[in-house]
Amino acid sequence: MSYNKLNSLQANTKAIRIAFKVRKEQRKATLEERAVLQQFTGFGGVSYILSLDGRNTTEKSEINKALQQLSSVLLNGVDGDQKL
């Protein structure tokens, strides 16, 4: 199975969303949440995402949607959090 940048970005976003939720609720992650958190792979491919050109517009559109979701998760996750 090859590495899929879009799937990785989506999985990372889901893991970040769960991490923020668990932190705000001041509790430990459930087994199901831990399984998702373990799928976090980091953002080593961020240079690829930032350098997308117009050659593959379908992929670019999907990546842009995923980036918008990530942005929303990050902004909502830190909203009102004085510890960050």
PDB file of N, CA and C in Angstrom:
ATOM      1  N   MET A   1       0.843  -1.178   0.000  1.00  0.00           N
ATOM      2  CA  MET A   1       0.000   0.000   0.000  1.00  0.00           C
ATOM      3  C   MET A   1       0.885   1.238   0.000  1.00  0.00           C
ATOM      4  N   SER A   2       0.639   2.147  -0.921  1.00  0.00           N
ATOM      5  CA  SER A   2       1.471   3.334  -1.022  1.00  0.00           C
ATOM      6  C   SER A   2       0.939   4.458  -0.130  1.00  0.00           C
ATOM      7  N   TYR A   3       1.804   5.389   0.156  1.00  0.00           N
ATOM      8  CA  TYR A   3       1.463   6.541   0.987  1.00  0.00           C
ATOM      9  C   TYR A   3       0.541   7.465   0.208  1.00  0.00           C
ATOM     10  N   ASN A   4      -0.566   7.860   0.808  1.00  0.00           N
ATOM     11  CA  ASN A   4      -1.515   8.756   0.178  1.00  0.00           C
ATOM     12  C   ASN A   4      -1.565  10.044   0.991  1.00  0.00           C
ATOM     13  N   LYS A   5      -1.094  11.126   0.397  1.00  0.00           N
ATOM     14  CA  LYS A   5      -0.992  12.397   1.116  1.00  0.00           C
ATOM     15  C   LYS A   5      -2.350  12.912   1.582  1.00  0.00           C
ATOM     16  N   LEU A   6      -3.362  12.788   0.742  1.00  0.00           N
ATOM     17  CA  LEU A   6      -4.690  13.261   1.111  1.00  0.00           C
ATOM     18  C   LEU A   6      -5.237  12.464   2.295  1.00  0.00           C
ATOM     19  N   ASN A   7      -5.132  11.150   2.246  1.00  0.00           N
ATOM     20  CA  ASN A   7      -5.613  10.320   3.358  1.00  0.00           C
ATOM     21  C   ASN A   7      -4.871  10.637   4.653  1.00  0.00           C
ATOM     22  N   SER A   8      -3.575  10.873   4.543  1.00  0.00           N
ATOM     23  CA  SER A   8      -2.776  11.210   5.711  1.00  0.00           C
ATOM     24  C   SER A   8      -3.228  12.547   6.307  1.00  0.00           C
ATOM     25  N   LEU A   9      -3.453  13.537   5.451  1.00  0.00           N
ATOM     26  CA  LEU A   9      -3.915  14.847   5.909  1.00  0.00           C
ATOM     27  C   LEU A   9      -5.266  14.723   6.605  1.00  0.00           C
ATOM     28  N   GLN A  10      -6.166  13.954   6.036  1.00  0.00           N
ATOM     29  CA  GLN A  10      -7.488  13.769   6.632  1.00  0.00           C
ATOM     30  C   GLN A  10      -7.402  13.032   7.960  1.00  0.00           C
ATOM     31  N   ALA A  11      -6.569  12.002   8.031  1.00  0.00           N
ATOM     32  CA  ALA A  11      -6.400  11.247   9.286  1.00  0.00           C
ATOM     33  C   ALA A  11      -5.764  12.123  10.359  1.00  0.00           C
ATOM     34  N   ASN A  12      -4.794  12.936   9.985  1.00  0.00           N
ATOM     35  CA  ASN A  12      -4.152  13.837  10.941  1.00  0.00           C
ATOM     36  C   ASN A  12      -5.149  14.859  11.475  1.00  0.00           C
ATOM     37  N   THR A  13      -5.996  15.377  10.587  1.00  0.00           N
ATOM     38  CA  THR A  13      -7.008  16.343  10.996  1.00  0.00           C
ATOM     39  C   THR A  13      -7.972  15.710  11.995  1.00  0.00           C
ATOM     40  N   LYS A  14      -8.384  14.493  11.724  1.00  0.00           N
ATOM     41  CA  LYS A  14      -9.292  13.780  12.632  1.00  0.00           C
ATOM     42  C   LYS A  14      -8.622  13.578  13.991  1.00  0.00           C
ATOM     43  N   ALA A  15      -7.356  13.216  13.991  1.00  0.00           N
ATOM     44  CA  ALA A  15      -6.627  13.011  15.245  1.00  0.00           C
ATOM     45  C   ALA A  15      -6.503  14.316  16.031  1.00  0.00           C
ATOM     46  N   ILE A  16      -6.237  15.403  15.345  1.00  0.00           N
ATOM     47  CA  ILE A  16      -6.122  16.707  16.012  1.00  0.00           C
ATOM     48  C   ILE A  16      -7.460  17.107  16.612  1.00  0.00           C
ATOM     49  N   ARG A  17      -8.541  16.883  15.864  1.00  0.00           N
ATOM     50  CA  ARG A  17      -9.882  17.195  16.368  1.00  0.00           C
ATOM     51  C   ARG A  17     -10.140  16.425  17.670  1.00  0.00           C
ATOM     52  N   ILE A  18      -9.794  15.157  17.701  1.00  0.00           N
ATOM     53  CA  ILE A  18     -10.001  14.339  18.894  1.00  0.00           C
ATOM     54  C   ILE A  18      -9.112  14.813  20.041  1.00  0.00           C
ATOM     55  N   ALA A  19      -7.882  15.151  19.751  1.00  0.00           N
ATOM     56  CA  ALA A  19      -6.970  15.620  20.797  1.00  0.00           C
ATOM     57  C   ALA A  19      -7.504  16.891  21.459  1.00  0.00           C
ATOM     58  N   PHE A  20      -8.000  17.825  20.652  1.00  0.00           N
ATOM     59  CA  PHE A  20      -8.587  19.040  21.211  1.00  0.00           C
ATOM     60  C   PHE A  20      -9.821  18.712  22.063  1.00  0.00           C
ATOM     61  N   LYS A  21     -10.664  17.819  21.580  1.00  0.00           N
ATOM     62  CA  LYS A  21     -11.887  17.457  22.300  1.00  0.00           C
ATOM     63  C   LYS A  21     -11.555  16.843  23.664  1.00  0.00           C
ATOM     64  N   VAL A  22     -10.630  15.901  23.666  1.00  0.00           N
ATOM     65  CA  VAL A  22     -10.242  15.231  24.908  1.00  0.00           C
ATOM     66  C   VAL A  22      -9.634  16.236  25.889  1.00  0.00           C
ATOM     67  N   ARG A  23      -8.821  17.131  25.364  1.00  0.00           N
ATOM     68  CA  ARG A  23      -8.174  18.137  26.221  1.00  0.00           C
ATOM     69  C   ARG A  23      -9.208  19.077  26.827  1.00  0.00           C
ATOM     70  N   LYS A  24     -10.134  19.550  25.997  1.00  0.00           N
ATOM     71  CA  LYS A  24     -11.155  20.469  26.504  1.00  0.00           C
ATOM     72  C   LYS A  24     -12.060  19.806  27.532  1.00  0.00           C
ATOM     73  N   GLU A  25     -12.325  18.519  27.335  1.00  0.00           N
ATOM     74  CA  GLU A  25     -13.183  17.786  28.271  1.00  0.00           C
ATOM     75  C   GLU A  25     -12.395  17.281  29.482  1.00  0.00           C
ATOM     76  N   GLN A  26     -11.096  17.508  29.496  1.00  0.00           N
ATOM     77  CA  GLN A  26     -10.197  17.145  30.595  1.00  0.00           C
ATOM     78  C   GLN A  26     -10.401  15.687  31.020  1.00  0.00           C
ATOM     79  N   ARG A  27     -10.245  14.813  30.037  1.00  0.00           N
ATOM     80  CA  ARG A  27     -10.411  13.381  30.291  1.00  0.00           C
ATOM     81  C   ARG A  27      -9.408  12.605  29.449  1.00  0.00           C
ATOM     82  N   LYS A  28      -9.316  11.329  29.726  1.00  0.00           N
ATOM     83  CA  LYS A  28      -8.461  10.450  28.929  1.00  0.00           C
ATOM     84  C   LYS A  28      -9.221  10.006  27.687  1.00  0.00           C
ATOM     85  N   ALA A  29      -8.490   9.744  26.636  1.00  0.00           N
ATOM     86  CA  ALA A  29      -9.098   9.270  25.394  1.00  0.00           C
ATOM     87  C   ALA A  29      -9.627   7.850  25.564  1.00  0.00           C
ATOM     88  N   THR A  30     -10.734   7.578  24.887  1.00  0.00           N
ATOM     89  CA  THR A  30     -11.282   6.220  24.885  1.00  0.00           C
ATOM     90  C   THR A  30     -10.382   5.334  24.014  1.00  0.00           C
ATOM     91  N   LEU A  31     -10.624   4.051  24.069  1.00  0.00           N
ATOM     92  CA  LEU A  31      -9.850   3.135  23.230  1.00  0.00           C
ATOM     93  C   LEU A  31     -10.015   3.472  21.748  1.00  0.00           C
ATOM     94  N   GLU A  32     -11.241   3.794  21.344  1.00  0.00           N
ATOM     95  CA  GLU A  32     -11.500   4.152  19.948  1.00  0.00           C
ATOM     96  C   GLU A  32     -10.759   5.438  19.576  1.00  0.00           C
ATOM     97  N   GLU A  33     -10.788   6.420  20.465  1.00  0.00           N
ATOM     98  CA  GLU A  33     -10.079   7.681  20.215  1.00  0.00           C
ATOM     99  C   GLU A  33      -8.572   7.453  20.159  1.00  0.00           C
ATOM    100  N   ARG A  34      -8.061   6.605  21.028  1.00  0.00           N
ATOM    101  CA  ARG A  34      -6.624   6.303  21.008  1.00  0.00           C
ATOM    102  C   ARG A  34      -6.206   5.675  19.684  1.00  0.00           C
ATOM    103  N   ALA A  35      -7.056   4.830  19.143  1.00  0.00           N
ATOM    104  CA  ALA A  35      -6.748   4.204  17.850  1.00  0.00           C
ATOM    105  C   ALA A  35      -6.616   5.266  16.764  1.00  0.00           C
ATOM    106  N   VAL A  36      -7.490   6.264  16.798  1.00  0.00           N
ATOM    107  CA  VAL A  36      -7.409   7.356  15.814  1.00  0.00           C
ATOM    108  C   VAL A  36      -6.158   8.192  16.063  1.00  0.00           C
ATOM    109  N   LEU A  37      -5.880   8.501  17.315  1.00  0.00           N
ATOM    110  CA  LEU A  37      -4.698   9.306  17.652  1.00  0.00           C
ATOM    111  C   LEU A  37      -3.403   8.617  17.215  1.00  0.00           C
ATOM    112  N   GLN A  38      -3.389   7.308  17.257  1.00  0.00           N
ATOM    113  CA  GLN A  38      -2.197   6.559  16.860  1.00  0.00           C
ATOM    114  C   GLN A  38      -1.959   6.624  15.348  1.00  0.00           C
ATOM    115  N   GLN A  39      -2.958   7.027  14.602  1.00  0.00           N
ATOM    116  CA  GLN A  39      -2.817   7.140  13.153  1.00  0.00           C
ATOM    117  C   GLN A  39      -2.163   8.456  12.732  1.00  0.00           C
ATOM    118  N   PHE A  40      -1.940   9.372  13.684  1.00  0.00           N
ATOM    119  CA  PHE A  40      -1.315  10.656  13.369  1.00  0.00           C
ATOM    120  C   PHE A  40       0.097  10.426  12.848  1.00  0.00           C
ATOM    121  N   THR A  41       0.395  10.975  11.690  1.00  0.00           N
ATOM    122  CA  THR A  41       1.704  10.747  11.066  1.00  0.00           C
ATOM    123  C   THR A  41       2.550  12.000  10.952  1.00  0.00           C
ATOM    124  N   GLY A  42       2.041  13.134  11.384  1.00  0.00           N
ATOM    125  CA  GLY A  42       2.781  14.381  11.252  1.00  0.00           C
ATOM    126  C   GLY A  42       2.529  15.020   9.895  1.00  0.00           C
ATOM    127  N   PHE A  43       3.252  16.078   9.629  1.00  0.00           N
ATOM    128  CA  PHE A  43       3.038  16.820   8.389  1.00  0.00           C
ATOM    129  C   PHE A  43       4.317  16.938   7.570  1.00  0.00           C
ATOM    130  N   GLY A  44       5.037  15.850   7.432  1.00  0.00           N
ATOM    131  CA  GLY A  44       6.266  15.844   6.648  1.00  0.00           C
ATOM    132  C   GLY A  44       6.034  16.164   5.187  1.00  0.00           C
ATOM    133  N   GLY A  45       4.824  15.914   4.683  1.00  0.00           N
ATOM    134  CA  GLY A  45       4.513  16.186   3.287  1.00  0.00           C
ATOM    135  C   GLY A  45       3.955  17.570   3.047  1.00  0.00           C
ATOM    136  N   VAL A  46       4.107  18.471   4.025  1.00  0.00           N
ATOM    137  CA  VAL A  46       3.517  19.800   3.885  1.00  0.00           C
ATOM    138  C   VAL A  46       4.106  20.575   2.706  1.00  0.00           C
ATOM    139  N   SER A  47       5.361  20.348   2.367  1.00  0.00           N
ATOM    140  CA  SER A  47       5.945  21.047   1.218  1.00  0.00           C
ATOM    141  C   SER A  47       5.239  20.650  -0.067  1.00  0.00           C
ATOM    142  N   TYR A  48       4.804  19.395  -0.150  1.00  0.00           N
ATOM    143  CA  TYR A  48       4.045  18.947  -1.316  1.00  0.00           C
ATOM    144  C   TYR A  48       2.725  19.709  -1.401  1.00  0.00           C
ATOM    145  N   ILE A  49       2.043  19.818  -0.293  1.00  0.00           N
ATOM    146  CA  ILE A  49       0.745  20.483  -0.268  1.00  0.00           C
ATOM    147  C   ILE A  49       0.880  21.949  -0.639  1.00  0.00           C
ATOM    148  N   LEU A  50       1.894  22.599  -0.128  1.00  0.00           N
ATOM    149  CA  LEU A  50       2.074  24.022  -0.388  1.00  0.00           C
ATOM    150  C   LEU A  50       2.571  24.315  -1.801  1.00  0.00           C
ATOM    151  N   SER A  51       3.062  23.304  -2.491  1.00  0.00           N
ATOM    152  CA  SER A  51       3.600  23.528  -3.829  1.00  0.00           C
ATOM    153  C   SER A  51       2.734  22.905  -4.924  1.00  0.00           C
ATOM    154  N   LEU A  52       1.456  22.665  -4.638  1.00  0.00           N
ATOM    155  CA  LEU A  52       0.574  22.089  -5.651  1.00  0.00           C
ATOM    156  C   LEU A  52       0.480  23.037  -6.847  1.00  0.00           C
ATOM    157  N   ASP A  53       0.563  22.478  -8.023  1.00  0.00           N
ATOM    158  CA  ASP A  53       0.361  23.293  -9.216  1.00  0.00           C
ATOM    159  C   ASP A  53      -0.952  22.886  -9.868  1.00  0.00           C
ATOM    160  N   GLY A  54      -1.283  23.458 -10.993  1.00  0.00           N
ATOM    161  CA  GLY A  54      -2.566  23.226 -11.624  1.00  0.00           C
ATOM    162  C   GLY A  54      -2.649  21.980 -12.472  1.00  0.00           C
ATOM    163  N   ARG A  55      -1.648  21.119 -12.462  1.00  0.00           N
ATOM    164  CA  ARG A  55      -1.650  19.941 -13.328  1.00  0.00           C
ATOM    165  C   ARG A  55      -2.717  18.926 -12.950  1.00  0.00           C
ATOM    166  N   ASN A  56      -2.993  18.774 -11.707  1.00  0.00           N
ATOM    167  CA  ASN A  56      -3.985  17.794 -11.270  1.00  0.00           C
ATOM    168  C   ASN A  56      -5.051  18.531 -10.459  1.00  0.00           C
ATOM    169  N   THR A  57      -6.019  19.111 -11.137  1.00  0.00           N
ATOM    170  CA  THR A  57      -7.003  19.955 -10.463  1.00  0.00           C
ATOM    171  C   THR A  57      -7.909  19.181  -9.524  1.00  0.00           C
ATOM    172  N   THR A  58      -8.189  17.916  -9.819  1.00  0.00           N
ATOM    173  CA  THR A  58      -9.016  17.113  -8.915  1.00  0.00           C
ATOM    174  C   THR A  58      -8.306  16.930  -7.579  1.00  0.00           C
ATOM    175  N   GLU A  59      -7.041  16.541  -7.652  1.00  0.00           N
ATOM    176  CA  GLU A  59      -6.263  16.355  -6.426  1.00  0.00           C
ATOM    177  C   GLU A  59      -6.134  17.676  -5.673  1.00  0.00           C
ATOM    178  N   LYS A  60      -5.878  18.749  -6.395  1.00  0.00           N
ATOM    179  CA  LYS A  60      -5.712  20.056  -5.767  1.00  0.00           C
ATOM    180  C   LYS A  60      -6.996  20.457  -5.035  1.00  0.00           C
ATOM    181  N   SER A  61      -8.135  20.229  -5.637  1.00  0.00           N
ATOM    182  CA  SER A  61      -9.419  20.563  -5.022  1.00  0.00           C
ATOM    183  C   SER A  61      -9.637  19.754  -3.752  1.00  0.00           C
ATOM    184  N   GLU A  62      -9.341  18.462  -3.800  1.00  0.00           N
ATOM    185  CA  GLU A  62      -9.502  17.597  -2.624  1.00  0.00           C
ATOM    186  C   GLU A  62      -8.559  18.010  -1.505  1.00  0.00           C
ATOM    187  N   ILE A  63      -7.327  18.330  -1.849  1.00  0.00           N
ATOM    188  CA  ILE A  63      -6.347  18.783  -0.852  1.00  0.00           C
ATOM    189  C   ILE A  63      -6.810  20.104  -0.245  1.00  0.00           C
ATOM    190  N   ASN A  64      -7.302  21.025  -1.069  1.00  0.00           N
ATOM    191  CA  ASN A  64      -7.775  22.312  -0.564  1.00  0.00           C
ATOM    192  C   ASN A  64      -8.928  22.131   0.418  1.00  0.00           C
ATOM    193  N   LYS A  65      -9.845  21.226   0.122  1.00  0.00           N
ATOM    194  CA  LYS A  65     -10.948  20.946   1.050  1.00  0.00           C
ATOM    195  C   LYS A  65     -10.412  20.398   2.366  1.00  0.00           C
ATOM    196  N   ALA A  66      -9.463  19.489   2.270  1.00  0.00           N
ATOM    197  CA  ALA A  66      -8.869  18.903   3.478  1.00  0.00           C
ATOM    198  C   ALA A  66      -8.123  19.964   4.288  1.00  0.00           C
ATOM    199  N   LEU A  67      -7.440  20.879   3.607  1.00  0.00           N
ATOM    200  CA  LEU A  67      -6.734  21.961   4.306  1.00  0.00           C
ATOM    201  C   LEU A  67      -7.710  22.903   4.990  1.00  0.00           C
ATOM    202  N   GLN A  68      -8.843  23.162   4.368  1.00  0.00           N
ATOM    203  CA  GLN A  68      -9.866  24.004   4.990  1.00  0.00           C
ATOM    204  C   GLN A  68     -10.406  23.335   6.251  1.00  0.00           C
ATOM    205  N   GLN A  69     -10.597  22.029   6.197  1.00  0.00           N
ATOM    206  CA  GLN A  69     -11.057  21.298   7.382  1.00  0.00           C
ATOM    207  C   GLN A  69     -10.022  21.370   8.493  1.00  0.00           C
ATOM    208  N   LEU A  70      -8.749  21.205   8.141  1.00  0.00           N
ATOM    209  CA  LEU A  70      -7.676  21.295   9.129  1.00  0.00           C
ATOM    210  C   LEU A  70      -7.659  22.686   9.756  1.00  0.00           C
ATOM    211  N   SER A  71      -7.765  23.712   8.934  1.00  0.00           N
ATOM    212  CA  SER A  71      -7.767  25.084   9.431  1.00  0.00           C
ATOM    213  C   SER A  71      -8.909  25.302  10.410  1.00  0.00           C
ATOM    214  N   SER A  72     -10.077  24.802  10.074  1.00  0.00           N
ATOM    215  CA  SER A  72     -11.243  24.941  10.943  1.00  0.00           C
ATOM    216  C   SER A  72     -11.025  24.229  12.277  1.00  0.00           C
ATOM    217  N   VAL A  73     -10.492  23.018  12.214  1.00  0.00           N
ATOM    218  CA  VAL A  73     -10.233  22.253  13.444  1.00  0.00           C
ATOM    219  C   VAL A  73      -9.243  22.998  14.327  1.00  0.00           C
ATOM    220  N   LEU A  74      -8.182  23.525  13.741  1.00  0.00           N
ATOM    221  CA  LEU A  74      -7.171  24.243  14.521  1.00  0.00           C
ATOM    222  C   LEU A  74      -7.728  25.517  15.131  1.00  0.00           C
ATOM    223  N   LEU A  75      -8.465  26.282  14.344  1.00  0.00           N
ATOM    224  CA  LEU A  75      -9.027  27.537  14.857  1.00  0.00           C
ATOM    225  C   LEU A  75     -10.064  27.279  15.941  1.00  0.00           C
ATOM    226  N   ASN A  76     -10.918  26.297  15.748  1.00  0.00           N
ATOM    227  CA  ASN A  76     -11.923  25.971  16.762  1.00  0.00           C
ATOM    228  C   ASN A  76     -11.284  25.343  17.991  1.00  0.00           C
ATOM    229  N   GLY A  77     -10.225  24.597  17.776  1.00  0.00           N
ATOM    230  CA  GLY A  77      -9.567  23.912  18.887  1.00  0.00           C
ATOM    231  C   GLY A  77      -8.878  24.844  19.855  1.00  0.00           C
ATOM    232  N   VAL A  78      -8.350  25.939  19.372  1.00  0.00           N
ATOM    233  CA  VAL A  78      -7.630  26.864  20.242  1.00  0.00           C
ATOM    234  C   VAL A  78      -8.487  28.035  20.696  1.00  0.00           C
ATOM    235  N   ASP A  79      -9.691  28.135  20.170  1.00  0.00           N
ATOM    236  CA  ASP A  79     -10.586  29.238  20.526  1.00  0.00           C
ATOM    237  C   ASP A  79     -10.840  29.269  22.028  1.00  0.00           C
ATOM    238  N   GLY A  80     -10.441  30.346  22.641  1.00  0.00           N
ATOM    239  CA  GLY A  80     -10.680  30.536  24.074  1.00  0.00           C
ATOM    240  C   GLY A  80      -9.750  29.751  24.974  1.00  0.00           C
ATOM    241  N   ASP A  81      -8.775  29.083  24.437  1.00  0.00           N
ATOM    242  CA  ASP A  81      -7.850  28.284  25.249  1.00  0.00           C
ATOM    243  C   ASP A  81      -6.656  29.165  25.637  1.00  0.00           C
ATOM    244  N   GLN A  82      -6.635  29.576  26.864  1.00  0.00           N
ATOM    245  CA  GLN A  82      -5.582  30.479  27.346  1.00  0.00           C
ATOM    246  C   GLN A  82      -4.265  29.752  27.585  1.00  0.00           C
ATOM    247  N   LYS A  83      -4.288  28.422  27.630  1.00  0.00           N
ATOM    248  CA  LYS A  83      -3.073  27.656  27.900  1.00  0.00           C
ATOM    249  C   LYS A  83      -2.165  27.553  26.701  1.00  0.00           C
ATOM    250  N   LEU A  84      -2.701  27.787  25.501  1.00  0.00           N
ATOM    251  CA  LEU A  84      -1.885  27.642  24.290  1.00  0.00           C
ATOM    252  C   LEU A  84      -1.159  28.889  23.931  1.00  0.00           C
TER     253      LEU A  84
END
